[in-house]
Amino acid sequence: MEGLNLVTQNDPKNPAAEAYRVIRTGIQFAQAGKELKTIALTSCTPNEGKSTTIANLAVVLTQAGKSVLLIDCDMRNPTVHKNFNLSNKIGLSSCISMGTAVADAVQATAIEGLDILTAGVIPPNPSELLGSERMKNILQRAKEEYDYVLIDTPPVMPVTDALIVSRFVDGVILTIASGEVKVEMARDVKNQLVNAGANILGVVLNKVRSEHHGYGYGYYYYYGHESARGGDNGK
């Protein structure tokens, strides 16, 4: 099936799967009567578990009966199509730069309720495309058709893409790898997001060492209006 090990789909009783359901609950509490449909996930640096987190979060949202569109906004290093074994010939870049209809670019998955809009062919100007009026229109239309729109964005430190997208979405979740990202860097990234106008919903702390499971078992923490935690390893 999918190229990524979706623990929430393949082993729903695993403690890791419960961790993602706790994050889902935190998001629901964070809504508190306000619209929270477009949610971007980012990180400070590459390989902190962001793409694993967003894929599993998408699954647990569909398990709650929600319709979800997962958009790959990492046009520099797209991975969502690989994780779900999908074609990347037509995707977000096609919709923005060539006017391809979103309906023609969206691909269904084997998971009921989960659709994917891959990044598409890597363009020479990702930042300009993501900051365009057409990008804003795509997100607005997606909000009207899906219960949740999850957006996988590049890490903040290397490029500005996530900061650009953060202005157009209802909320941002920051994924941080414990022991790999210094507190000063995490604080700097948080400040950059806030200064860009992002509504930070919480932080997912990944790759935390467990006394019983070693480094291969991590803990995710979600801090919003309610705090929660659970476990999984990420990539």
C-alpha atoms as a PDB file:
ATOM      1  CA  MET A   1       0.000   0.000   0.000  1.00  0.00           C
ATOM      2  CA  GLU A   2       1.559   3.306   1.080  1.00  0.00           C
ATOM      3  CA  GLY A   3       5.337   3.732   1.000  1.00  0.00           C
ATOM      4  CA  LEU A   4       5.322   5.329   4.452  1.00  0.00           C
ATOM      5  CA  ASN A   5       4.707   3.192   7.511  1.00  0.00           C
ATOM      6  CA  LEU A   6       1.408   4.649   8.675  1.00  0.00           C
ATOM      7  CA  VAL A   7       1.197   3.268  12.180  1.00  0.00           C
ATOM      8  CA  THR A   8      -2.222   4.861  12.655  1.00  0.00           C
ATOM      9  CA  GLN A   9      -3.546   2.807   9.742  1.00  0.00           C
ATOM     10  CA  ASN A  10      -1.511  -0.389  10.063  1.00  0.00           C
ATOM     11  CA  ASP A  11      -1.339  -0.752  13.854  1.00  0.00           C
ATOM     12  CA  PRO A  12      -4.028   1.466  15.423  1.00  0.00           C
ATOM     13  CA  LYS A  13      -3.559  -0.072  18.897  1.00  0.00           C
ATOM     14  CA  ASN A  14       0.115   0.874  18.974  1.00  0.00           C
ATOM     15  CA  PRO A  15       0.949   3.556  21.596  1.00  0.00           C
ATOM     16  CA  ALA A  16       2.334   5.627  18.730  1.00  0.00           C
ATOM     17  CA  ALA A  17      -1.076   5.654  17.053  1.00  0.00           C
ATOM     18  CA  GLU A  18      -2.621   6.845  20.289  1.00  0.00           C
ATOM     19  CA  ALA A  19      -0.126   9.711  20.307  1.00  0.00           C
ATOM     20  CA  TYR A  20      -1.473  10.974  17.006  1.00  0.00           C
ATOM     21  CA  ARG A  21      -5.035  10.702  18.266  1.00  0.00           C
ATOM     22  CA  VAL A  22      -4.015  12.842  21.235  1.00  0.00           C
ATOM     23  CA  ILE A  23      -2.664  15.465  18.821  1.00  0.00           C
ATOM     24  CA  ARG A  24      -5.974  15.295  16.957  1.00  0.00           C
ATOM     25  CA  THR A  25      -7.814  15.929  20.212  1.00  0.00           C
ATOM     26  CA  GLY A  26      -5.540  18.873  20.969  1.00  0.00           C
ATOM     27  CA  ILE A  27      -6.368  20.420  17.612  1.00  0.00           C
ATOM     28  CA  GLN A  28     -10.085  19.991  18.244  1.00  0.00           C
ATOM     29  CA  PHE A  29      -9.776  21.709  21.613  1.00  0.00           C
ATOM     30  CA  ALA A  30      -7.664  24.483  20.062  1.00  0.00           C
ATOM     31  CA  GLN A  31     -10.558  25.392  17.777  1.00  0.00           C
ATOM     32  CA  ALA A  32     -12.606  26.734  20.693  1.00  0.00           C
ATOM     33  CA  GLY A  33     -15.361  28.073  18.450  1.00  0.00           C
ATOM     34  CA  LYS A  34     -13.072  29.516  15.756  1.00  0.00           C
ATOM     35  CA  GLU A  35     -12.355  28.166  12.286  1.00  0.00           C
ATOM     36  CA  LEU A  36      -9.353  25.878  12.162  1.00  0.00           C
ATOM     37  CA  LYS A  37      -9.399  24.021   8.865  1.00  0.00           C
ATOM     38  CA  THR A  38      -6.086  24.762   7.163  1.00  0.00           C
ATOM     39  CA  ILE A  39      -3.131  23.579   9.243  1.00  0.00           C
ATOM     40  CA  ALA A  40       0.508  23.702   8.176  1.00  0.00           C
ATOM     41  CA  LEU A  41       3.265  21.584   9.695  1.00  0.00           C
ATOM     42  CA  THR A  42       6.853  22.723   9.602  1.00  0.00           C
ATOM     43  CA  SER A  43      10.127  22.159  11.446  1.00  0.00           C
ATOM     44  CA  CYS A  44      13.353  23.984  12.179  1.00  0.00           C
ATOM     45  CA  THR A  45      15.608  21.737  10.075  1.00  0.00           C
ATOM     46  CA  PRO A  46      15.211  18.719   7.771  1.00  0.00           C
ATOM     47  CA  ASN A  47      14.542  15.181   9.045  1.00  0.00           C
ATOM     48  CA  GLU A  48      12.729  16.041  12.269  1.00  0.00           C
ATOM     49  CA  GLY A  49       9.714  13.813  11.598  1.00  0.00           C
ATOM     50  CA  LYS A  50       7.430  16.421  10.052  1.00  0.00           C
ATOM     51  CA  SER A  51       6.238  14.379   7.076  1.00  0.00           C
ATOM     52  CA  THR A  52       5.622  11.280   9.203  1.00  0.00           C
ATOM     53  CA  THR A  53       3.636  13.363  11.664  1.00  0.00           C
ATOM     54  CA  ILE A  54       1.429  15.058   9.087  1.00  0.00           C
ATOM     55  CA  ALA A  55       0.673  11.803   7.259  1.00  0.00           C
ATOM     56  CA  ASN A  56      -0.414  10.023  10.438  1.00  0.00           C
ATOM     57  CA  LEU A  57      -2.359  13.067  11.609  1.00  0.00           C
ATOM     58  CA  ALA A  58      -4.231  13.006   8.303  1.00  0.00           C
ATOM     59  CA  VAL A  59      -5.135   9.366   8.877  1.00  0.00           C
ATOM     60  CA  VAL A  60      -6.483   9.841  12.424  1.00  0.00           C
ATOM     61  CA  LEU A  61      -8.586  12.763  11.232  1.00  0.00           C
ATOM     62  CA  THR A  62     -10.196  10.544   8.589  1.00  0.00           C
ATOM     63  CA  GLN A  63     -10.730   7.879  11.261  1.00  0.00           C
ATOM     64  CA  ALA A  64     -12.802  10.484  13.103  1.00  0.00           C
ATOM     65  CA  GLY A  65     -15.014  10.793  10.048  1.00  0.00           C
ATOM     66  CA  LYS A  66     -13.382  13.917   8.603  1.00  0.00           C
ATOM     67  CA  SER A  67     -12.482  14.546   4.971  1.00  0.00           C
ATOM     68  CA  VAL A  68      -8.847  15.566   4.573  1.00  0.00           C
ATOM     69  CA  LEU A  69      -6.739  17.017   1.780  1.00  0.00           C
ATOM     70  CA  LEU A  70      -2.986  16.704   2.328  1.00  0.00           C
ATOM     71  CA  ILE A  71      -1.000  19.209   0.253  1.00  0.00           C
ATOM     72  CA  ASP A  72       2.740  18.936  -0.323  1.00  0.00           C
ATOM     73  CA  CYS A  73       4.051  22.501  -0.309  1.00  0.00           C
ATOM     74  CA  ASP A  74       7.682  21.411  -0.166  1.00  0.00           C
ATOM     75  CA  MET A  75       8.410  22.081  -3.816  1.00  0.00           C
ATOM     76  CA  ARG A  76      12.164  21.875  -3.215  1.00  0.00           C
ATOM     77  CA  ASN A  77      12.218  18.369  -1.745  1.00  0.00           C
ATOM     78  CA  PRO A  78       8.758  16.819  -2.203  1.00  0.00           C
ATOM     79  CA  THR A  79       8.135  13.551  -0.341  1.00  0.00           C
ATOM     80  CA  VAL A  80       4.370  13.132   0.051  1.00  0.00           C
ATOM     81  CA  HIS A  81       4.005  11.400  -3.322  1.00  0.00           C
ATOM     82  CA  LYS A  82       6.751   8.945  -2.332  1.00  0.00           C
ATOM     83  CA  ASN A  83       5.159   8.267   1.042  1.00  0.00           C
ATOM     84  CA  PHE A  84       1.846   7.380  -0.591  1.00  0.00           C
ATOM     85  CA  ASN A  85       3.235   5.832  -3.806  1.00  0.00           C
ATOM     86  CA  LEU A  86       1.598   8.432  -6.045  1.00  0.00           C
ATOM     87  CA  SER A  87       2.580  10.131  -9.276  1.00  0.00           C
ATOM     88  CA  ASN A  88       4.089  13.607  -9.029  1.00  0.00           C
ATOM     89  CA  LYS A  89       3.779  14.588 -12.669  1.00  0.00           C
ATOM     90  CA  ILE A  90       0.869  16.924 -11.930  1.00  0.00           C
ATOM     91  CA  GLY A  91       0.530  18.681  -8.588  1.00  0.00           C
ATOM     92  CA  LEU A  92       0.463  21.989  -6.769  1.00  0.00           C
ATOM     93  CA  SER A  93       3.056  23.641  -9.005  1.00  0.00           C
ATOM     94  CA  SER A  94       0.921  22.757 -12.035  1.00  0.00           C
ATOM     95  CA  CYS A  95      -2.158  24.306 -10.430  1.00  0.00           C
ATOM     96  CA  ILE A  96      -0.366  27.550  -9.588  1.00  0.00           C
ATOM     97  CA  SER A  97       1.877  28.101 -12.610  1.00  0.00           C
ATOM     98  CA  MET A  98      -0.107  26.406 -15.384  1.00  0.00           C
ATOM     99  CA  GLY A  99      -3.673  26.852 -14.196  1.00  0.00           C
ATOM    100  CA  THR A 100      -4.370  23.127 -13.896  1.00  0.00           C
ATOM    101  CA  ALA A 101      -7.667  22.557 -12.113  1.00  0.00           C
ATOM    102  CA  VAL A 102      -7.163  21.327  -8.552  1.00  0.00           C
ATOM    103  CA  ALA A 103      -9.782  18.646  -9.161  1.00  0.00           C
ATOM    104  CA  ASP A 104      -7.614  17.279 -11.978  1.00  0.00           C
ATOM    105  CA  ALA A 105      -4.478  17.237  -9.812  1.00  0.00           C
ATOM    106  CA  VAL A 106      -5.873  15.784  -6.575  1.00  0.00           C
ATOM    107  CA  GLN A 107      -5.356  12.039  -6.130  1.00  0.00           C
ATOM    108  CA  ALA A 108      -7.344   9.707  -3.927  1.00  0.00           C
ATOM    109  CA  THR A 109      -5.623   7.278  -1.570  1.00  0.00           C
ATOM    110  CA  ALA A 110      -6.548   3.835  -0.309  1.00  0.00           C
ATOM    111  CA  ILE A 111      -7.592   5.520   2.937  1.00  0.00           C
ATOM    112  CA  GLU A 112     -11.217   6.591   2.809  1.00  0.00           C
ATOM    113  CA  GLY A 113     -11.577  10.339   3.171  1.00  0.00           C
ATOM    114  CA  LEU A 114      -7.925  11.173   2.438  1.00  0.00           C
ATOM    115  CA  ASP A 115      -6.942  12.919  -0.804  1.00  0.00           C
ATOM    116  CA  ILE A 116      -3.487  14.138  -1.789  1.00  0.00           C
ATOM    117  CA  LEU A 117      -2.292  17.132  -3.801  1.00  0.00           C
ATOM    118  CA  THR A 118       1.359  16.403  -4.496  1.00  0.00           C
ATOM    119  CA  ALA A 119       3.950  19.133  -5.005  1.00  0.00           C
ATOM    120  CA  GLY A 120       4.213  18.578  -8.742  1.00  0.00           C
ATOM    121  CA  VAL A 121       7.231  19.245 -10.914  1.00  0.00           C
ATOM    122  CA  ILE A 122       9.881  21.200  -8.991  1.00  0.00           C
ATOM    123  CA  PRO A 123       9.710  24.850 -10.159  1.00  0.00           C
ATOM    124  CA  PRO A 124      12.567  27.393 -10.244  1.00  0.00           C
ATOM    125  CA  ASN A 125      10.647  29.821  -8.004  1.00  0.00           C
ATOM    126  CA  PRO A 126       8.851  27.980  -5.167  1.00  0.00           C
ATOM    127  CA  SER A 127       8.625  31.000  -2.854  1.00  0.00           C
ATOM    128  CA  GLU A 128       6.968  33.142  -5.503  1.00  0.00           C
ATOM    129  CA  LEU A 129       4.425  30.433  -6.327  1.00  0.00           C
ATOM    130  CA  LEU A 130       3.531  29.831  -2.672  1.00  0.00           C
ATOM    131  CA  GLY A 131       3.053  33.540  -2.049  1.00  0.00           C
ATOM    132  CA  SER A 132       0.832  34.049  -5.072  1.00  0.00           C
ATOM    133  CA  GLU A 133      -2.828  34.978  -5.158  1.00  0.00           C
ATOM    134  CA  ARG A 134      -3.560  31.714  -6.929  1.00  0.00           C
ATOM    135  CA  MET A 135      -2.101  29.787  -3.982  1.00  0.00           C
ATOM    136  CA  LYS A 136      -4.424  31.633  -1.600  1.00  0.00           C
ATOM    137  CA  ASN A 137      -7.368  30.820  -3.852  1.00  0.00           C
ATOM    138  CA  ILE A 138      -6.444  27.122  -3.920  1.00  0.00           C
ATOM    139  CA  LEU A 139      -6.430  26.991  -0.130  1.00  0.00           C
ATOM    140  CA  GLN A 140      -9.713  28.862   0.096  1.00  0.00           C
ATOM    141  CA  ARG A 141     -11.448  26.476  -2.304  1.00  0.00           C
ATOM    142  CA  ALA A 142      -9.988  23.471  -0.502  1.00  0.00           C
ATOM    143  CA  LYS A 143     -11.424  24.761   2.800  1.00  0.00           C
ATOM    144  CA  GLU A 144     -14.852  24.739   1.217  1.00  0.00           C
ATOM    145  CA  GLU A 145     -14.553  21.134   0.026  1.00  0.00           C
ATOM    146  CA  TYR A 146     -12.760  19.407   2.924  1.00  0.00           C
ATOM    147  CA  ASP A 147     -13.101  19.347   6.689  1.00  0.00           C
ATOM    148  CA  TYR A 148      -9.331  19.746   7.076  1.00  0.00           C
ATOM    149  CA  VAL A 149      -6.533  20.814   4.753  1.00  0.00           C
ATOM    150  CA  LEU A 150      -3.107  19.725   6.038  1.00  0.00           C
ATOM    151  CA  ILE A 151      -0.061  21.349   4.476  1.00  0.00           C
ATOM    152  CA  ASP A 152       3.447  19.902   4.538  1.00  0.00           C
ATOM    153  CA  THR A 153       5.893  22.816   4.303  1.00  0.00           C
ATOM    154  CA  PRO A 154       9.708  22.946   4.174  1.00  0.00           C
ATOM    155  CA  PRO A 155      11.785  23.569   7.318  1.00  0.00           C
ATOM    156  CA  VAL A 156      11.990  27.207   8.386  1.00  0.00           C
ATOM    157  CA  MET A 157      15.751  27.617   8.733  1.00  0.00           C
ATOM    158  CA  PRO A 158      16.874  26.829   5.154  1.00  0.00           C
ATOM    159  CA  VAL A 159      14.136  28.718   3.239  1.00  0.00           C
ATOM    160  CA  THR A 160      11.268  31.167   3.749  1.00  0.00           C
ATOM    161  CA  ASP A 161       8.540  29.003   2.165  1.00  0.00           C
ATOM    162  CA  ALA A 162       6.930  27.948   5.467  1.00  0.00           C
ATOM    163  CA  LEU A 163       6.822  31.566   6.655  1.00  0.00           C
ATOM    164  CA  ILE A 164       5.046  32.556   3.454  1.00  0.00           C
ATOM    165  CA  VAL A 165       2.461  29.767   3.722  1.00  0.00           C
ATOM    166  CA  SER A 166       1.903  30.451   7.436  1.00  0.00           C
ATOM    167  CA  ARG A 167       0.197  33.742   6.552  1.00  0.00           C
ATOM    168  CA  PHE A 168      -2.500  31.961   4.565  1.00  0.00           C
ATOM    169  CA  VAL A 169      -3.464  29.179   6.982  1.00  0.00           C
ATOM    170  CA  ASP A 170      -5.550  28.982  10.148  1.00  0.00           C
ATOM    171  CA  GLY A 171      -2.776  27.468  12.243  1.00  0.00           C
ATOM    172  CA  VAL A 172       0.770  26.097  12.292  1.00  0.00           C
ATOM    173  CA  ILE A 173       2.239  23.154  14.209  1.00  0.00           C
ATOM    174  CA  LEU A 174       5.988  23.064  14.723  1.00  0.00           C
ATOM    175  CA  THR A 175       7.750  19.687  14.823  1.00  0.00           C
ATOM    176  CA  ILE A 176      11.012  19.626  16.791  1.00  0.00           C
ATOM    177  CA  ALA A 177      13.449  16.719  17.144  1.00  0.00           C
ATOM    178  CA  SER A 178      14.609  16.447  20.739  1.00  0.00           C
ATOM    179  CA  GLY A 179      18.370  16.473  21.117  1.00  0.00           C
ATOM    180  CA  GLU A 180      18.886  17.645  17.536  1.00  0.00           C
ATOM    181  CA  VAL A 181      17.577  21.203  17.710  1.00  0.00           C
ATOM    182  CA  LYS A 182      18.971  23.660  20.236  1.00  0.00           C
ATOM    183  CA  VAL A 183      16.572  25.696  22.331  1.00  0.00           C
ATOM    184  CA  GLU A 184      17.917  28.914  20.825  1.00  0.00           C
ATOM    185  CA  MET A 185      17.158  27.725  17.285  1.00  0.00           C
ATOM    186  CA  ALA A 186      13.660  26.578  18.234  1.00  0.00           C
ATOM    187  CA  ARG A 187      12.995  29.941  19.861  1.00  0.00           C
ATOM    188  CA  ASP A 188      14.292  31.768  16.788  1.00  0.00           C
ATOM    189  CA  VAL A 189      12.058  29.722  14.472  1.00  0.00           C
ATOM    190  CA  LYS A 190       9.058  30.355  16.717  1.00  0.00           C
ATOM    191  CA  ASN A 191       9.765  34.099  16.618  1.00  0.00           C
ATOM    192  CA  GLN A 192      10.097  34.029  12.836  1.00  0.00           C
ATOM    193  CA  LEU A 193       6.710  32.354  12.533  1.00  0.00           C
ATOM    194  CA  VAL A 194       5.074  34.797  14.928  1.00  0.00           C
ATOM    195  CA  ASN A 195       6.592  37.765  13.108  1.00  0.00           C
ATOM    196  CA  ALA A 196       5.280  36.343   9.829  1.00  0.00           C
ATOM    197  CA  GLY A 197       1.781  36.371  11.298  1.00  0.00           C
ATOM    198  CA  ALA A 198       1.457  32.640  12.019  1.00  0.00           C
ATOM    199  CA  ASN A 199      -1.031  31.303  14.531  1.00  0.00           C
ATOM    200  CA  ILE A 200       1.078  28.677  16.294  1.00  0.00           C
ATOM    201  CA  LEU A 201      -1.195  25.935  17.589  1.00  0.00           C
ATOM    202  CA  GLY A 202       1.465  23.902  19.324  1.00  0.00           C
ATOM    203  CA  VAL A 203       4.692  21.951  19.196  1.00  0.00           C
ATOM    204  CA  VAL A 204       5.254  18.273  18.457  1.00  0.00           C
ATOM    205  CA  LEU A 205       8.413  17.159  20.273  1.00  0.00           C
ATOM    206  CA  ASN A 206       9.800  14.128  18.498  1.00  0.00           C
ATOM    207  CA  LYS A 207      12.598  11.603  19.144  1.00  0.00           C
ATOM    208  CA  VAL A 208      12.599  11.998  22.904  1.00  0.00           C
ATOM    209  CA  ARG A 209      14.458   9.182  24.618  1.00  0.00           C
ATOM    210  CA  SER A 210      12.407   6.698  26.592  1.00  0.00           C
ATOM    211  CA  GLU A 211      14.003   4.747  29.450  1.00  0.00           C
ATOM    212  CA  HIS A 212      12.152   1.631  28.383  1.00  0.00           C
ATOM    213  CA  HIS A 213      12.502   1.835  24.640  1.00  0.00           C
ATOM    214  CA  GLY A 214      15.719   3.737  23.987  1.00  0.00           C
ATOM    215  CA  TYR A 215      16.128   6.332  21.257  1.00  0.00           C
ATOM    216  CA  GLY A 216      13.975   4.415  18.792  1.00  0.00           C
ATOM    217  CA  TYR A 217      10.871   5.341  20.751  1.00  0.00           C
ATOM    218  CA  GLY A 218       9.976   8.973  20.971  1.00  0.00           C
ATOM    219  CA  TYR A 219       7.339  11.107  22.584  1.00  0.00           C
ATOM    220  CA  TYR A 220       5.182  13.624  20.810  1.00  0.00           C
ATOM    221  CA  TYR A 221       3.877  16.556  22.778  1.00  0.00           C
ATOM    222  CA  TYR A 222       1.131  18.840  21.590  1.00  0.00           C
ATOM    223  CA  TYR A 223       0.672  22.167  23.299  1.00  0.00           C
ATOM    224  CA  GLY A 224      -2.486  24.060  22.496  1.00  0.00           C
ATOM    225  CA  HIS A 225      -5.447  25.060  24.613  1.00  0.00           C
ATOM    226  CA  GLU A 226      -5.023  21.584  26.054  1.00  0.00           C
ATOM    227  CA  SER A 227      -1.704  19.721  26.376  1.00  0.00           C
ATOM    228  CA  ALA A 228      -1.243  16.086  25.489  1.00  0.00           C
ATOM    229  CA  ARG A 229       1.388  13.531  24.785  1.00  0.00           C
ATOM    230  CA  GLY A 230       2.040  10.112  23.358  1.00  0.00           C
ATOM    231  CA  GLY A 231       4.730   8.230  21.515  1.00  0.00           C
ATOM    232  CA  ASP A 232       6.207   7.234  18.166  1.00  0.00           C
ATOM    233  CA  ASN A 233       9.434   7.373  16.289  1.00  0.00           C
ATOM    234  CA  GLY A 234       9.599   9.673  13.291  1.00  0.00           C
ATOM    235  CA  LYS A 235      11.731  10.524  10.339  1.00  0.00           C
END
